[in-house]
PDB file of all heavy atoms in Angstrom:
ATOM      1  N   GLU A   1     -57.930  65.872 -22.111  1.00  0.00           N
ATOM      2  CA  GLU A   1     -57.775  65.732 -23.561  1.00  0.00           C
ATOM      3  C   GLU A   1     -56.377  65.235 -23.920  1.00  0.00           C
ATOM      4  O   GLU A   1     -56.203  64.505 -24.905  1.00  0.00           O
ATOM      5  CB  GLU A   1     -58.064  67.074 -24.261  1.00  0.00           C
ATOM      6  CG  GLU A   1     -59.528  67.483 -24.137  1.00  0.00           C
ATOM      7  CD  GLU A   1     -59.811  68.805 -24.822  1.00  0.00           C
ATOM      8  OE1 GLU A   1     -59.152  69.097 -25.861  1.00  0.00           O
ATOM      9  OE2 GLU A   1     -60.660  69.576 -24.336  1.00  0.00           O
ATOM     10  N   LYS A   2     -55.363  65.671 -23.150  1.00  0.00           N
ATOM     11  CA  LYS A   2     -54.023  65.177 -23.419  1.00  0.00           C
ATOM     12  C   LYS A   2     -53.944  63.677 -23.245  1.00  0.00           C
ATOM     13  O   LYS A   2     -53.386  62.952 -24.095  1.00  0.00           O
ATOM     14  CB  LYS A   2     -53.015  65.840 -22.470  1.00  0.00           C
ATOM     15  CG  LYS A   2     -51.604  65.322 -22.649  1.00  0.00           C
ATOM     16  CD  LYS A   2     -50.663  65.783 -21.540  1.00  0.00           C
ATOM     17  CE  LYS A   2     -50.759  64.906 -20.307  1.00  0.00           C
ATOM     18  NZ  LYS A   2     -49.708  65.191 -19.320  1.00  0.00           N
ATOM     19  N   TYR A   3     -54.558  63.187 -22.165  1.00  0.00           N
ATOM     20  CA  TYR A   3     -54.496  61.754 -21.898  1.00  0.00           C
ATOM     21  C   TYR A   3     -55.273  60.945 -22.925  1.00  0.00           C
ATOM     22  O   TYR A   3     -54.875  59.856 -23.318  1.00  0.00           O
ATOM     23  CB  TYR A   3     -54.993  61.487 -20.469  1.00  0.00           C
ATOM     24  CG  TYR A   3     -54.104  62.083 -19.420  1.00  0.00           C
ATOM     25  CD1 TYR A   3     -54.509  63.194 -18.679  1.00  0.00           C
ATOM     26  CD2 TYR A   3     -52.831  61.584 -19.177  1.00  0.00           C
ATOM     27  CE1 TYR A   3     -53.698  63.756 -17.709  1.00  0.00           C
ATOM     28  CE2 TYR A   3     -51.995  62.141 -18.231  1.00  0.00           C
ATOM     29  CZ  TYR A   3     -52.431  63.236 -17.503  1.00  0.00           C
ATOM     30  OH  TYR A   3     -51.597  63.798 -16.563  1.00  0.00           O
ATOM     31  N   LEU A   4     -56.400  61.506 -23.396  1.00  0.00           N
ATOM     32  CA  LEU A   4     -57.141  60.822 -24.440  1.00  0.00           C
ATOM     33  C   LEU A   4     -56.327  60.741 -25.728  1.00  0.00           C
ATOM     34  O   LEU A   4     -56.344  59.712 -26.419  1.00  0.00           O
ATOM     35  CB  LEU A   4     -58.461  61.562 -24.718  1.00  0.00           C
ATOM     36  CG  LEU A   4     -59.535  61.447 -23.631  1.00  0.00           C
ATOM     37  CD1 LEU A   4     -60.716  62.337 -23.960  1.00  0.00           C
ATOM     38  CD2 LEU A   4     -59.984  60.000 -23.469  1.00  0.00           C
ATOM     39  N   ALA A   5     -55.590  61.808 -26.034  1.00  0.00           N
ATOM     40  CA  ALA A   5     -54.753  61.801 -27.236  1.00  0.00           C
ATOM     41  C   ALA A   5     -53.645  60.767 -27.118  1.00  0.00           C
ATOM     42  O   ALA A   5     -53.326  60.061 -28.072  1.00  0.00           O
ATOM     43  CB  ALA A   5     -54.149  63.189 -27.458  1.00  0.00           C
ATOM     44  N   TRP A   6     -53.067  60.643 -25.916  1.00  0.00           N
ATOM     45  CA  TRP A   6     -52.009  59.649 -25.699  1.00  0.00           C
ATOM     46  C   TRP A   6     -52.575  58.229 -25.770  1.00  0.00           C
ATOM     47  O   TRP A   6     -51.916  57.322 -26.269  1.00  0.00           O
ATOM     48  CB  TRP A   6     -51.337  59.894 -24.358  1.00  0.00           C
ATOM     49  CG  TRP A   6     -50.355  61.024 -24.382  1.00  0.00           C
ATOM     50  CD1 TRP A   6     -50.294  62.017 -25.328  1.00  0.00           C
ATOM     51  CD2 TRP A   6     -49.291  61.281 -23.479  1.00  0.00           C
ATOM     52  NE1 TRP A   6     -49.280  62.898 -25.022  1.00  0.00           N
ATOM     53  CE2 TRP A   6     -48.652  62.465 -23.889  1.00  0.00           C
ATOM     54  CE3 TRP A   6     -48.864  60.636 -22.322  1.00  0.00           C
ATOM     55  CZ2 TRP A   6     -47.550  62.994 -23.219  1.00  0.00           C
ATOM     56  CZ3 TRP A   6     -47.764  61.183 -21.652  1.00  0.00           C
ATOM     57  CH2 TRP A   6     -47.134  62.345 -22.087  1.00  0.00           C
ATOM     58  N   GLU A   7     -53.793  58.028 -25.266  1.00  0.00           N
ATOM     59  CA  GLU A   7     -54.432  56.721 -25.376  1.00  0.00           C
ATOM     60  C   GLU A   7     -54.554  56.306 -26.847  1.00  0.00           C
ATOM     61  O   GLU A   7     -54.244  55.165 -27.211  1.00  0.00           O
ATOM     62  CB  GLU A   7     -55.849  56.765 -24.772  1.00  0.00           C
ATOM     63  CG  GLU A   7     -55.921  56.610 -23.290  1.00  0.00           C
ATOM     64  CD  GLU A   7     -57.357  56.579 -22.808  1.00  0.00           C
ATOM     65  OE1 GLU A   7     -58.226  56.074 -23.583  1.00  0.00           O
ATOM     66  OE2 GLU A   7     -57.636  57.067 -21.709  1.00  0.00           O
ATOM     67  N   GLU A   8     -55.003  57.235 -27.658  1.00  0.00           N
ATOM     68  CA  GLU A   8     -55.205  56.926 -29.080  1.00  0.00           C
ATOM     69  C   GLU A   8     -53.871  56.628 -29.759  1.00  0.00           C
ATOM     70  O   GLU A   8     -53.759  55.683 -30.558  1.00  0.00           O
ATOM     71  CB  GLU A   8     -55.898  58.113 -29.770  1.00  0.00           C
ATOM     72  CG  GLU A   8     -56.278  57.813 -31.205  1.00  0.00           C
ATOM     73  CD  GLU A   8     -57.113  58.902 -31.825  1.00  0.00           C
ATOM     74  OE1 GLU A   8     -57.621  59.782 -31.092  1.00  0.00           O
ATOM     75  OE2 GLU A   8     -57.268  58.891 -33.053  1.00  0.00           O
ATOM     76  N   LEU A   9     -52.831  57.415 -29.438  1.00  0.00           N
ATOM     77  CA  LEU A   9     -51.521  57.175 -30.021  1.00  0.00           C
ATOM     78  C   LEU A   9     -50.983  55.793 -29.659  1.00  0.00           C
ATOM     79  O   LEU A   9     -50.508  55.038 -30.510  1.00  0.00           O
ATOM     80  CB  LEU A   9     -50.536  58.239 -29.545  1.00  0.00           C
ATOM     81  CG  LEU A   9     -50.531  59.577 -30.269  1.00  0.00           C
ATOM     82  CD1 LEU A   9     -49.615  60.569 -29.542  1.00  0.00           C
ATOM     83  CD2 LEU A   9     -50.064  59.424 -31.719  1.00  0.00           C
ATOM     84  N   LEU A  10     -51.084  55.459 -28.357  1.00  0.00           N
ATOM     85  CA  LEU A  10     -50.607  54.150 -27.901  1.00  0.00           C
ATOM     86  C   LEU A  10     -51.400  53.006 -28.536  1.00  0.00           C
ATOM     87  O   LEU A  10     -50.834  52.019 -28.998  1.00  0.00           O
ATOM     88  CB  LEU A  10     -50.738  54.066 -26.377  1.00  0.00           C
ATOM     89  CG  LEU A  10     -49.530  54.502 -25.535  1.00  0.00           C
ATOM     90  CD1 LEU A  10     -49.867  54.376 -24.047  1.00  0.00           C
ATOM     91  CD2 LEU A  10     -48.293  53.707 -25.866  1.00  0.00           C
ATOM     92  N   SER A  11     -52.706  53.153 -28.540  1.00  0.00           N
ATOM     93  CA  SER A  11     -53.554  52.107 -29.103  1.00  0.00           C
ATOM     94  C   SER A  11     -53.258  51.866 -30.579  1.00  0.00           C
ATOM     95  O   SER A  11     -53.076  50.728 -31.018  1.00  0.00           O
ATOM     96  CB  SER A  11     -55.026  52.490 -28.914  1.00  0.00           C
ATOM     97  OG  SER A  11     -55.879  51.546 -29.519  1.00  0.00           O
ATOM     98  N   ASP A  12     -53.190  52.956 -31.339  1.00  0.00           N
ATOM     99  CA  ASP A  12     -52.903  52.830 -32.783  1.00  0.00           C
ATOM    100  C   ASP A  12     -51.526  52.199 -33.016  1.00  0.00           C
ATOM    101  O   ASP A  12     -51.353  51.390 -33.926  1.00  0.00           O
ATOM    102  CB  ASP A  12     -52.967  54.207 -33.451  1.00  0.00           C
ATOM    103  CG  ASP A  12     -54.386  54.761 -33.550  1.00  0.00           C
ATOM    104  OD1 ASP A  12     -55.331  53.987 -33.290  1.00  0.00           O
ATOM    105  OD2 ASP A  12     -54.534  55.951 -33.856  1.00  0.00           O
ATOM    106  N   ALA A  13     -50.559  52.610 -32.192  1.00  0.00           N
ATOM    107  CA  ALA A  13     -49.202  52.062 -32.353  1.00  0.00           C
ATOM    108  C   ALA A  13     -49.162  50.574 -32.033  1.00  0.00           C
ATOM    109  O   ALA A  13     -48.458  49.803 -32.707  1.00  0.00           O
ATOM    110  CB  ALA A  13     -48.223  52.832 -31.454  1.00  0.00           C
ATOM    111  N   MET A  14     -49.902  50.151 -31.032  1.00  0.00           N
ATOM    112  CA  MET A  14     -49.931  48.726 -30.691  1.00  0.00           C
ATOM    113  C   MET A  14     -50.610  47.911 -31.787  1.00  0.00           C
ATOM    114  O   MET A  14     -50.183  46.802 -32.103  1.00  0.00           O
ATOM    115  CB  MET A  14     -50.593  48.509 -29.331  1.00  0.00           C
ATOM    116  CG  MET A  14     -49.703  48.941 -28.172  1.00  0.00           C
ATOM    117  SD  MET A  14     -50.303  48.402 -26.549  1.00  0.00           S
ATOM    118  CE  MET A  14     -51.738  49.446 -26.366  1.00  0.00           C
ATOM    119  N   VAL A  15     -51.685  48.452 -32.337  1.00  0.00           N
ATOM    120  CA  VAL A  15     -52.361  47.759 -33.447  1.00  0.00           C
ATOM    121  C   VAL A  15     -51.403  47.630 -34.614  1.00  0.00           C
ATOM    122  O   VAL A  15     -51.322  46.579 -35.268  1.00  0.00           O
ATOM    123  CB  VAL A  15     -53.634  48.519 -33.861  1.00  0.00           C
ATOM    124  CG1 VAL A  15     -54.192  47.969 -35.165  1.00  0.00           C
ATOM    125  CG2 VAL A  15     -54.683  48.439 -32.774  1.00  0.00           C
ATOM    126  N   ALA A  16     -50.641  48.690 -34.896  1.00  0.00           N
ATOM    127  CA  ALA A  16     -49.679  48.646 -35.999  1.00  0.00           C
ATOM    128  C   ALA A  16     -48.580  47.622 -35.747  1.00  0.00           C
ATOM    129  O   ALA A  16     -47.955  47.130 -36.690  1.00  0.00           O
ATOM    130  CB  ALA A  16     -49.041  50.026 -36.182  1.00  0.00           C
ATOM    131  N   ARG A  17     -48.375  47.258 -34.468  1.00  0.00           N
ATOM    132  CA  ARG A  17     -47.367  46.260 -34.108  1.00  0.00           C
ATOM    133  C   ARG A  17     -47.971  44.877 -33.915  1.00  0.00           C
ATOM    134  O   ARG A  17     -47.332  43.990 -33.360  1.00  0.00           O
ATOM    135  CB  ARG A  17     -46.612  46.703 -32.854  1.00  0.00           C
ATOM    136  CG  ARG A  17     -45.672  47.903 -33.126  1.00  0.00           C
ATOM    137  CD  ARG A  17     -45.350  48.633 -31.825  1.00  0.00           C
ATOM    138  NE  ARG A  17     -44.326  49.658 -32.027  1.00  0.00           N
ATOM    139  CZ  ARG A  17     -44.561  50.866 -32.552  1.00  0.00           C
ATOM    140  NH1 ARG A  17     -45.777  51.170 -32.984  1.00  0.00           N
ATOM    141  NH2 ARG A  17     -43.582  51.745 -32.676  1.00  0.00           N
ATOM    142  N   GLY A  18     -49.214  44.696 -34.337  1.00  0.00           N
ATOM    143  CA  GLY A  18     -49.808  43.373 -34.363  1.00  0.00           C
ATOM    144  C   GLY A  18     -50.796  43.043 -33.270  1.00  0.00           C
ATOM    145  O   GLY A  18     -51.333  41.931 -33.237  1.00  0.00           O
ATOM    146  N   ALA A  19     -51.068  43.968 -32.354  1.00  0.00           N
ATOM    147  CA  ALA A  19     -52.033  43.700 -31.276  1.00  0.00           C
ATOM    148  C   ALA A  19     -53.465  43.845 -31.783  1.00  0.00           C
ATOM    149  O   ALA A  19     -53.739  44.533 -32.764  1.00  0.00           O
ATOM    150  CB  ALA A  19     -51.788  44.655 -30.114  1.00  0.00           C
ATOM    151  N   GLU A  20     -54.395  43.168 -31.101  1.00  0.00           N
ATOM    152  CA  GLU A  20     -55.815  43.267 -31.472  1.00  0.00           C
ATOM    153  C   GLU A  20     -56.350  44.643 -31.115  1.00  0.00           C
ATOM    154  O   GLU A  20     -56.036  45.168 -30.051  1.00  0.00           O
ATOM    155  CB  GLU A  20     -56.617  42.194 -30.747  1.00  0.00           C
ATOM    156  CG  GLU A  20     -56.259  40.766 -31.132  1.00  0.00           C
ATOM    157  CD  GLU A  20     -57.095  39.750 -30.400  1.00  0.00           C
ATOM    158  OE1 GLU A  20     -58.117  40.161 -29.798  1.00  0.00           O
ATOM    159  OE2 GLU A  20     -56.747  38.565 -30.428  1.00  0.00           O
ATOM    160  N   PRO A  21     -57.171  45.245 -31.967  1.00  0.00           N
ATOM    161  CA  PRO A  21     -57.634  46.616 -31.726  1.00  0.00           C
ATOM    162  C   PRO A  21     -58.342  46.833 -30.392  1.00  0.00           C
ATOM    163  O   PRO A  21     -58.019  47.778 -29.660  1.00  0.00           O
ATOM    164  CB  PRO A  21     -58.595  46.856 -32.916  1.00  0.00           C
ATOM    165  CG  PRO A  21     -58.059  45.984 -33.997  1.00  0.00           C
ATOM    166  CD  PRO A  21     -57.576  44.738 -33.299  1.00  0.00           C
ATOM    167  N   MET A  22     -59.308  45.992 -30.047  1.00  0.00           N
ATOM    168  CA  MET A  22     -60.046  46.198 -28.798  1.00  0.00           C
ATOM    169  C   MET A  22     -59.139  46.024 -27.578  1.00  0.00           C
ATOM    170  O   MET A  22     -59.212  46.808 -26.619  1.00  0.00           O
ATOM    171  CB  MET A  22     -61.244  45.249 -28.698  1.00  0.00           C
ATOM    172  CG  MET A  22     -62.124  45.533 -27.475  1.00  0.00           C
ATOM    173  SD  MET A  22     -63.648  44.546 -27.430  1.00  0.00           S
ATOM    174  CE  MET A  22     -64.512  45.227 -28.846  1.00  0.00           C
ATOM    175  N   VAL A  23     -58.296  45.010 -27.613  1.00  0.00           N
ATOM    176  CA  VAL A  23     -57.348  44.775 -26.518  1.00  0.00           C
ATOM    177  C   VAL A  23     -56.385  45.959 -26.415  1.00  0.00           C
ATOM    178  O   VAL A  23     -56.049  46.408 -25.311  1.00  0.00           O
ATOM    179  CB  VAL A  23     -56.552  43.471 -26.750  1.00  0.00           C
ATOM    180  CG1 VAL A  23     -55.455  43.316 -25.705  1.00  0.00           C
ATOM    181  CG2 VAL A  23     -57.508  42.269 -26.678  1.00  0.00           C
ATOM    182  N   SER A  24     -55.957  46.493 -27.531  1.00  0.00           N
ATOM    183  CA  SER A  24     -55.048  47.631 -27.538  1.00  0.00           C
ATOM    184  C   SER A  24     -55.697  48.863 -26.923  1.00  0.00           C
ATOM    185  O   SER A  24     -55.054  49.590 -26.131  1.00  0.00           O
ATOM    186  CB  SER A  24     -54.597  47.962 -28.967  1.00  0.00           C
ATOM    187  OG  SER A  24     -53.864  46.890 -29.505  1.00  0.00           O
ATOM    188  N   ARG A  25     -56.957  49.089 -27.248  1.00  0.00           N
ATOM    189  CA  ARG A  25     -57.650  50.255 -26.689  1.00  0.00           C
ATOM    190  C   ARG A  25     -57.756  50.132 -25.173  1.00  0.00           C
ATOM    191  O   ARG A  25     -57.570  51.110 -24.443  1.00  0.00           O
ATOM    192  CB  ARG A  25     -59.021  50.407 -27.336  1.00  0.00           C
ATOM    193  CG  ARG A  25     -58.972  50.935 -28.763  1.00  0.00           C
ATOM    194  CD  ARG A  25     -60.337  51.402 -29.250  1.00  0.00           C
ATOM    195  NE  ARG A  25     -61.268  50.299 -29.413  1.00  0.00           N
ATOM    196  CZ  ARG A  25     -61.399  49.581 -30.529  1.00  0.00           C
ATOM    197  NH1 ARG A  25     -60.605  49.826 -31.567  1.00  0.00           N
ATOM    198  NH2 ARG A  25     -62.281  48.611 -30.603  1.00  0.00           N
ATOM    199  N   MET A  26     -58.103  48.939 -24.689  1.00  0.00           N
ATOM    200  CA  MET A  26     -58.234  48.749 -23.245  1.00  0.00           C
ATOM    201  C   MET A  26     -56.864  48.887 -22.553  1.00  0.00           C
ATOM    202  O   MET A  26     -56.735  49.526 -21.513  1.00  0.00           O
ATOM    203  CB  MET A  26     -58.826  47.361 -22.955  1.00  0.00           C
ATOM    204  CG  MET A  26     -58.923  47.052 -21.454  1.00  0.00           C
ATOM    205  SD  MET A  26     -59.926  48.243 -20.525  1.00  0.00           S
ATOM    206  CE  MET A  26     -61.563  47.668 -20.982  1.00  0.00           C
ATOM    207  N   ALA A  27     -55.828  48.279 -23.143  1.00  0.00           N
ATOM    208  CA  ALA A  27     -54.493  48.353 -22.551  1.00  0.00           C
ATOM    209  C   ALA A  27     -54.000  49.797 -22.495  1.00  0.00           C
ATOM    210  O   ALA A  27     -53.448  50.244 -21.474  1.00  0.00           O
ATOM    211  CB  ALA A  27     -53.524  47.491 -23.351  1.00  0.00           C
ATOM    212  N   ALA A  28     -54.209  50.538 -23.572  1.00  0.00           N
ATOM    213  CA  ALA A  28     -53.781  51.930 -23.610  1.00  0.00           C
ATOM    214  C   ALA A  28     -54.548  52.773 -22.570  1.00  0.00           C
ATOM    215  O   ALA A  28     -53.973  53.613 -21.883  1.00  0.00           O
ATOM    216  CB  ALA A  28     -53.963  52.510 -25.000  1.00  0.00           C
ATOM    217  N   ALA A  29     -55.849  52.525 -22.471  1.00  0.00           N
ATOM    218  CA  ALA A  29     -56.666  53.280 -21.515  1.00  0.00           C
ATOM    219  C   ALA A  29     -56.212  53.028 -20.071  1.00  0.00           C
ATOM    220  O   ALA A  29     -56.104  53.975 -19.274  1.00  0.00           O
ATOM    221  CB  ALA A  29     -58.143  52.909 -21.690  1.00  0.00           C
ATOM    222  N   MET A  30     -55.936  51.784 -19.754  1.00  0.00           N
ATOM    223  CA  MET A  30     -55.516  51.442 -18.397  1.00  0.00           C
ATOM    224  C   MET A  30     -54.130  52.001 -18.087  1.00  0.00           C
ATOM    225  O   MET A  30     -53.871  52.526 -17.002  1.00  0.00           O
ATOM    226  CB  MET A  30     -55.545  49.923 -18.204  1.00  0.00           C
ATOM    227  CG  MET A  30     -56.948  49.338 -18.252  1.00  0.00           C
ATOM    228  SD  MET A  30     -56.965  47.532 -18.165  1.00  0.00           S
ATOM    229  CE  MET A  30     -56.540  47.275 -16.443  1.00  0.00           C
ATOM    230  N   ALA A  31     -53.222  51.880 -19.048  1.00  0.00           N
ATOM    231  CA  ALA A  31     -51.864  52.386 -18.818  1.00  0.00           C
ATOM    232  C   ALA A  31     -51.844  53.891 -18.668  1.00  0.00           C
ATOM    233  O   ALA A  31     -51.167  54.423 -17.772  1.00  0.00           O
ATOM    234  CB  ALA A  31     -50.966  51.948 -19.994  1.00  0.00           C
ATOM    235  N   VAL A  32     -52.572  54.597 -19.496  1.00  0.00           N
ATOM    236  CA  VAL A  32     -52.614  56.068 -19.420  1.00  0.00           C
ATOM    237  C   VAL A  32     -53.358  56.515 -18.164  1.00  0.00           C
ATOM    238  O   VAL A  32     -53.001  57.528 -17.559  1.00  0.00           O
ATOM    239  CB  VAL A  32     -53.248  56.657 -20.693  1.00  0.00           C
ATOM    240  CG1 VAL A  32     -53.453  58.156 -20.551  1.00  0.00           C
ATOM    241  CG2 VAL A  32     -52.347  56.385 -21.895  1.00  0.00           C
ATOM    242  N   ALA A  33     -54.376  55.760 -17.744  1.00  0.00           N
ATOM    243  CA  ALA A  33     -55.065  56.099 -16.496  1.00  0.00           C
ATOM    244  C   ALA A  33     -54.098  56.023 -15.313  1.00  0.00           C
ATOM    245  O   ALA A  33     -54.126  56.877 -14.417  1.00  0.00           O
ATOM    246  CB  ALA A  33     -56.245  55.137 -16.269  1.00  0.00           C
ATOM    247  N   GLY A  34     -53.230  55.025 -15.325  1.00  0.00           N
ATOM    248  CA  GLY A  34     -52.223  54.926 -14.259  1.00  0.00           C
ATOM    249  C   GLY A  34     -51.297  56.141 -14.262  1.00  0.00           C
ATOM    250  O   GLY A  34     -50.945  56.666 -13.201  1.00  0.00           O
ATOM    251  N   LEU A  35     -50.911  56.584 -15.438  1.00  0.00           N
ATOM    252  CA  LEU A  35     -50.074  57.765 -15.543  1.00  0.00           C
ATOM    253  C   LEU A  35     -50.785  59.000 -15.000  1.00  0.00           C
ATOM    254  O   LEU A  35     -50.216  59.784 -14.237  1.00  0.00           O
ATOM    255  CB  LEU A  35     -49.683  57.996 -17.002  1.00  0.00           C
ATOM    256  CG  LEU A  35     -48.921  59.299 -17.293  1.00  0.00           C
ATOM    257  CD1 LEU A  35     -47.572  59.309 -16.590  1.00  0.00           C
ATOM    258  CD2 LEU A  35     -48.747  59.488 -18.796  1.00  0.00           C
ATOM    259  N   ARG A  36     -52.051  59.150 -15.400  1.00  0.00           N
ATOM    260  CA  ARG A  36     -52.818  60.327 -14.938  1.00  0.00           C
ATOM    261  C   ARG A  36     -52.916  60.373 -13.412  1.00  0.00           C
ATOM    262  O   ARG A  36     -52.701  61.413 -12.797  1.00  0.00           O
ATOM    263  CB  ARG A  36     -54.221  60.281 -15.553  1.00  0.00           C
ATOM    264  CG  ARG A  36     -55.144  61.416 -15.093  1.00  0.00           C
ATOM    265  CD  ARG A  36     -56.483  61.327 -15.816  1.00  0.00           C
ATOM    266  NE  ARG A  36     -57.121  60.042 -15.632  1.00  0.00           N
ATOM    267  CZ  ARG A  36     -57.802  59.690 -14.549  1.00  0.00           C
ATOM    268  NH1 ARG A  36     -57.930  60.543 -13.533  1.00  0.00           N
ATOM    269  NH2 ARG A  36     -58.381  58.504 -14.478  1.00  0.00           N
ATOM    270  N   ILE A  37     -53.191  59.228 -12.802  1.00  0.00           N
ATOM    271  CA  ILE A  37     -53.298  59.161 -11.351  1.00  0.00           C
ATOM    272  C   ILE A  37     -51.949  59.456 -10.694  1.00  0.00           C
ATOM    273  O   ILE A  37     -51.866  60.229  -9.715  1.00  0.00           O
ATOM    274  CB  ILE A  37     -53.814  57.778 -10.924  1.00  0.00           C
ATOM    275  CG1 ILE A  37     -55.263  57.616 -11.367  1.00  0.00           C
ATOM    276  CG2 ILE A  37     -53.697  57.582  -9.411  1.00  0.00           C
ATOM    277  CD1 ILE A  37     -55.788  56.199 -11.287  1.00  0.00           C
ATOM    278  N   ALA A  38     -50.890  58.868 -11.223  1.00  0.00           N
ATOM    279  CA  ALA A  38     -49.545  59.093 -10.671  1.00  0.00           C
ATOM    280  C   ALA A  38     -49.143  60.551 -10.771  1.00  0.00           C
ATOM    281  O   ALA A  38     -48.560  61.121  -9.831  1.00  0.00           O
ATOM    282  CB  ALA A  38     -48.529  58.200 -11.381  1.00  0.00           C
ATOM    283  N   VAL A  39     -49.436  61.171 -11.897  1.00  0.00           N
ATOM    284  CA  VAL A  39     -49.085  62.583 -12.092  1.00  0.00           C
ATOM    285  C   VAL A  39     -49.812  63.487 -11.095  1.00  0.00           C
ATOM    286  O   VAL A  39     -49.214  64.402 -10.525  1.00  0.00           O
ATOM    287  CB  VAL A  39     -49.374  63.023 -13.539  1.00  0.00           C
ATOM    288  CG1 VAL A  39     -49.315  64.546 -13.667  1.00  0.00           C
ATOM    289  CG2 VAL A  39     -48.391  62.379 -14.498  1.00  0.00           C
ATOM    290  N   ARG A  40     -51.082  63.220 -10.876  1.00  0.00           N
ATOM    291  CA  ARG A  40     -51.839  64.030  -9.908  1.00  0.00           C
ATOM    292  C   ARG A  40     -51.266  63.888  -8.515  1.00  0.00           C
ATOM    293  O   ARG A  40     -51.152  64.878  -7.759  1.00  0.00           O
ATOM    294  CB  ARG A  40     -53.318  63.661  -9.928  1.00  0.00           C
ATOM    295  CG  ARG A  40     -54.022  64.054 -11.210  1.00  0.00           C
ATOM    296  CD  ARG A  40     -55.527  64.085 -11.049  1.00  0.00           C
ATOM    297  NE  ARG A  40     -55.943  65.156 -10.155  1.00  0.00           N
ATOM    298  CZ  ARG A  40     -57.208  65.423  -9.859  1.00  0.00           C
ATOM    299  NH1 ARG A  40     -58.171  64.682 -10.400  1.00  0.00           N
ATOM    300  NH2 ARG A  40     -57.531  66.400  -9.062  1.00  0.00           N
ATOM    301  N   GLU A  41     -50.892  62.668  -8.128  1.00  0.00           N
ATOM    302  CA  GLU A  41     -50.278  62.463  -6.808  1.00  0.00           C
ATOM    303  C   GLU A  41     -48.913  63.149  -6.721  1.00  0.00           C
ATOM    304  O   GLU A  41     -48.552  63.709  -5.689  1.00  0.00           O
ATOM    305  CB  GLU A  41     -50.118  60.962  -6.537  1.00  0.00           C
ATOM    306  CG  GLU A  41     -51.435  60.235  -6.336  1.00  0.00           C
ATOM    307  CD  GLU A  41     -52.170  60.698  -5.087  1.00  0.00           C
ATOM    308  OE1 GLU A  41     -51.513  60.948  -4.049  1.00  0.00           O
ATOM    309  OE2 GLU A  41     -53.410  60.853  -5.152  1.00  0.00           O
ATOM    310  N   TRP A  42     -48.180  63.110  -7.810  1.00  0.00           N
ATOM    311  CA  TRP A  42     -46.855  63.743  -7.848  1.00  0.00           C
ATOM    312  C   TRP A  42     -46.972  65.255  -7.713  1.00  0.00           C
ATOM    313  O   TRP A  42     -46.205  65.869  -6.939  1.00  0.00           O
ATOM    314  CB  TRP A  42     -46.190  63.361  -9.172  1.00  0.00           C
ATOM    315  CG  TRP A  42     -44.808  63.914  -9.363  1.00  0.00           C
ATOM    316  CD1 TRP A  42     -43.692  63.589  -8.628  1.00  0.00           C
ATOM    317  CD2 TRP A  42     -44.376  64.843 -10.366  1.00  0.00           C
ATOM    318  NE1 TRP A  42     -42.591  64.273  -9.115  1.00  0.00           N
ATOM    319  CE2 TRP A  42     -42.991  65.046 -10.170  1.00  0.00           C
ATOM    320  CE3 TRP A  42     -45.038  65.537 -11.383  1.00  0.00           C
ATOM    321  CZ2 TRP A  42     -42.252  65.907 -10.992  1.00  0.00           C
ATOM    322  CZ3 TRP A  42     -44.293  66.370 -12.187  1.00  0.00           C
ATOM    323  CH2 TRP A  42     -42.912  66.573 -11.995  1.00  0.00           C
ATOM    324  N   ILE A  43     -47.928  65.843  -8.401  1.00  0.00           N
ATOM    325  CA  ILE A  43     -48.121  67.284  -8.289  1.00  0.00           C
ATOM    326  C   ILE A  43     -48.598  67.648  -6.901  1.00  0.00           C
ATOM    327  O   ILE A  43     -48.151  68.637  -6.298  1.00  0.00           O
ATOM    328  CB  ILE A  43     -49.141  67.778  -9.348  1.00  0.00           C
ATOM    329  CG1 ILE A  43     -48.549  67.604 -10.754  1.00  0.00           C
ATOM    330  CG2 ILE A  43     -49.528  69.233  -9.111  1.00  0.00           C
ATOM    331  CD1 ILE A  43     -49.551  67.822 -11.859  1.00  0.00           C
TER     332      ILE A  43
END
Protein backbone atom coordinates (compact mmCIF):
# COMPACT_ATOMS: atom_id res chain seq x y z
CA GLU A 1 0.00 0.00 0.00
CA LYS A 2 2.90 2.36 0.68
CA TYR A 3 4.28 1.78 -2.80
CA LEU A 4 0.87 2.28 -4.39
CA ALA A 5 0.53 5.59 -2.56
CA TRP A 6 3.96 6.69 -3.79
CA GLU A 7 3.05 5.68 -7.36
CA GLU A 8 -0.01 7.91 -7.21
CA LEU A 9 1.94 10.83 -5.75
CA LEU A 10 4.64 10.57 -8.42
CA SER A 11 2.15 10.15 -11.25
CA ASP A 12 0.02 13.11 -10.15
CA ALA A 13 3.11 15.28 -9.71
CA MET A 14 4.39 14.43 -13.20
CA VAL A 15 1.01 15.22 -14.74
CA ALA A 16 1.05 18.55 -12.91
CA ARG A 17 4.46 19.18 -14.53
CA GLY A 18 3.14 18.58 -18.03
CA ALA A 19 3.54 14.83 -18.59
CA GLU A 20 0.78 12.75 -20.20
CA PRO A 21 -1.39 10.96 -17.61
CA MET A 22 -1.08 7.40 -18.94
CA VAL A 23 2.67 7.73 -19.53
CA SER A 24 3.05 9.19 -16.03
CA ARG A 25 1.21 6.29 -14.44
CA MET A 26 3.40 3.75 -16.23
CA ALA A 27 6.62 5.64 -15.44
CA ALA A 28 5.69 5.97 -11.76
CA ALA A 29 4.73 2.29 -11.53
CA MET A 30 8.02 1.14 -13.06
CA ALA A 31 10.15 3.49 -10.98
CA VAL A 32 8.46 2.54 -7.70
CA ALA A 33 8.64 -1.16 -8.61
CA GLY A 34 12.41 -0.77 -8.91
CA LEU A 35 12.51 0.81 -5.47
CA ARG A 36 10.41 -1.99 -3.97
CA ILE A 37 12.70 -4.66 -5.41
CA ALA A 38 15.85 -2.83 -4.31
CA VAL A 39 14.52 -2.36 -0.78
CA ARG A 40 13.70 -6.05 -0.41
CA GLU A 41 17.20 -7.00 -1.55
CA TRP A 42 18.69 -4.43 0.81
CA ILE A 43 16.76 -5.78 3.78
